[in-house]
């Protein structure tokens, strides 16, 4: 299967179904990118890795729960993000896609 680029991934947000073969965390970002925070959170909270904690932190930051987000950034071993949410979403997606 060809590698999914960030541009292809962003374009997939217009589709009614996620791209085939994506990881759980990329799926979480896909749901979030389509405006379904709850579905994104359901997927992300079950991934117990540093990357899972990063996605979880981003989602709680987006939700406006700074304290919970800070906890998850610590679990992810990452600094608390302060830039635009859209930039962080793209940074995470790019990292998870291996670009």
Protein backbone atom coordinates (compact mmCIF):
# COMPACT_ATOMS: atom_id res chain seq x y z
CA UNK A 1 0.00 0.00 0.00
CA UNK A 2 1.42 3.43 -0.90
CA UNK A 3 2.30 5.77 1.91
CA UNK A 4 -0.42 8.25 2.80
CA UNK A 5 0.88 11.81 2.62
CA UNK A 6 -0.35 14.62 4.84
CA UNK A 7 -1.96 16.26 1.79
CA UNK A 8 -3.79 13.04 0.91
CA UNK A 9 -4.84 12.64 4.53
CA UNK A 10 -6.22 16.17 4.69
CA UNK A 11 -8.06 15.60 1.40
CA UNK A 12 -9.61 12.43 2.87
CA UNK A 13 -11.46 14.58 5.42
CA UNK A 14 -13.96 15.33 2.64
CA UNK A 15 -14.80 11.61 2.34
CA UNK A 16 -17.44 9.86 4.39
CA UNK A 17 -15.04 7.06 5.31
CA UNK A 18 -11.45 7.19 6.54
CA UNK A 19 -8.59 5.95 4.37
CA UNK A 20 -8.08 2.20 4.53
CA UNK A 21 -5.32 0.80 6.70
CA UNK A 22 -4.66 3.81 8.91
CA UNK A 23 -3.58 3.46 12.52
CA UNK A 24 -5.92 4.09 15.42
CA UNK A 25 -4.27 7.43 16.18
CA UNK A 26 -4.49 8.62 12.58
CA UNK A 27 -8.14 7.54 12.69
CA UNK A 28 -8.61 9.66 15.83
CA UNK A 29 -7.18 12.68 14.01
CA UNK A 30 -9.40 11.91 11.00
CA UNK A 31 -12.50 12.01 13.22
CA UNK A 32 -11.30 15.23 14.84
CA UNK A 33 -10.57 16.75 11.45
CA UNK A 34 -14.16 16.02 10.47
CA UNK A 35 -15.46 17.71 13.62
CA UNK A 36 -16.25 14.59 15.66
CA UNK A 37 -14.30 15.22 18.86
CA UNK A 38 -16.15 12.47 20.76
CA UNK A 39 -15.22 9.76 18.24
CA UNK A 40 -11.64 11.03 18.16
CA UNK A 41 -11.42 10.89 21.94
CA UNK A 42 -12.94 7.39 22.13
CA UNK A 43 -10.23 6.10 19.78
CA UNK A 44 -7.30 8.02 21.29
CA UNK A 45 -7.99 7.16 24.91
CA UNK A 46 -7.43 3.47 24.20
CA UNK A 47 -3.90 3.91 22.79
CA UNK A 48 -1.45 3.72 25.69
CA UNK A 49 1.71 5.00 24.00
CA UNK A 50 3.52 8.33 24.04
CA UNK A 51 1.93 9.16 20.68
CA UNK A 52 -1.46 8.19 22.08
CA UNK A 53 -0.88 10.55 24.99
CA UNK A 54 0.07 13.30 22.51
CA UNK A 55 -3.16 12.93 20.56
CA UNK A 56 -5.07 12.75 23.85
CA UNK A 57 -3.35 15.95 25.05
CA UNK A 58 -4.21 17.77 21.82
CA UNK A 59 -7.85 16.72 22.10
CA UNK A 60 -8.16 17.96 25.69
CA UNK A 61 -6.42 21.20 24.74
CA UNK A 62 -8.96 21.62 21.93
CA UNK A 63 -11.75 20.86 24.38
CA UNK A 64 -10.49 23.69 26.58
CA UNK A 65 -9.47 21.47 29.50
CA UNK A 66 -5.96 22.89 30.05
CA UNK A 67 -5.29 20.92 33.24
CA UNK A 68 -6.13 17.56 31.69
CA UNK A 69 -4.23 18.50 28.52
CA UNK A 70 -1.14 19.34 30.61
CA UNK A 71 -1.31 15.92 32.27
CA UNK A 72 -1.41 14.20 28.87
CA UNK A 73 1.44 16.33 27.48
CA UNK A 74 3.52 15.18 30.46
CA UNK A 75 2.56 11.55 29.74
CA UNK A 76 3.56 12.11 26.11
CA UNK A 77 6.87 13.60 27.27
CA UNK A 78 6.17 16.71 25.19
CA UNK A 79 5.96 20.40 26.03
CA UNK A 80 2.50 21.90 26.30
CA UNK A 81 1.54 23.18 22.86
CA UNK A 82 0.72 26.86 22.69
CA UNK A 83 0.34 27.52 18.96
CA UNK A 84 -2.79 27.27 16.81
CA UNK A 85 -4.70 24.01 17.18
CA UNK A 86 -4.68 23.54 13.40
CA UNK A 87 -0.88 23.61 13.39
CA UNK A 88 -0.66 21.06 16.17
CA UNK A 89 -3.16 18.77 14.42
CA UNK A 90 -1.04 18.92 11.25
CA UNK A 91 2.21 18.38 13.21
CA UNK A 92 0.80 15.28 14.91
CA UNK A 93 -0.65 13.90 11.70
CA UNK A 94 2.62 14.48 9.85
CA UNK A 95 4.58 12.70 12.60
CA UNK A 96 2.17 9.77 12.73
CA UNK A 97 2.19 9.39 8.95
CA UNK A 98 5.97 9.22 9.06
CA UNK A 99 6.64 12.25 6.89
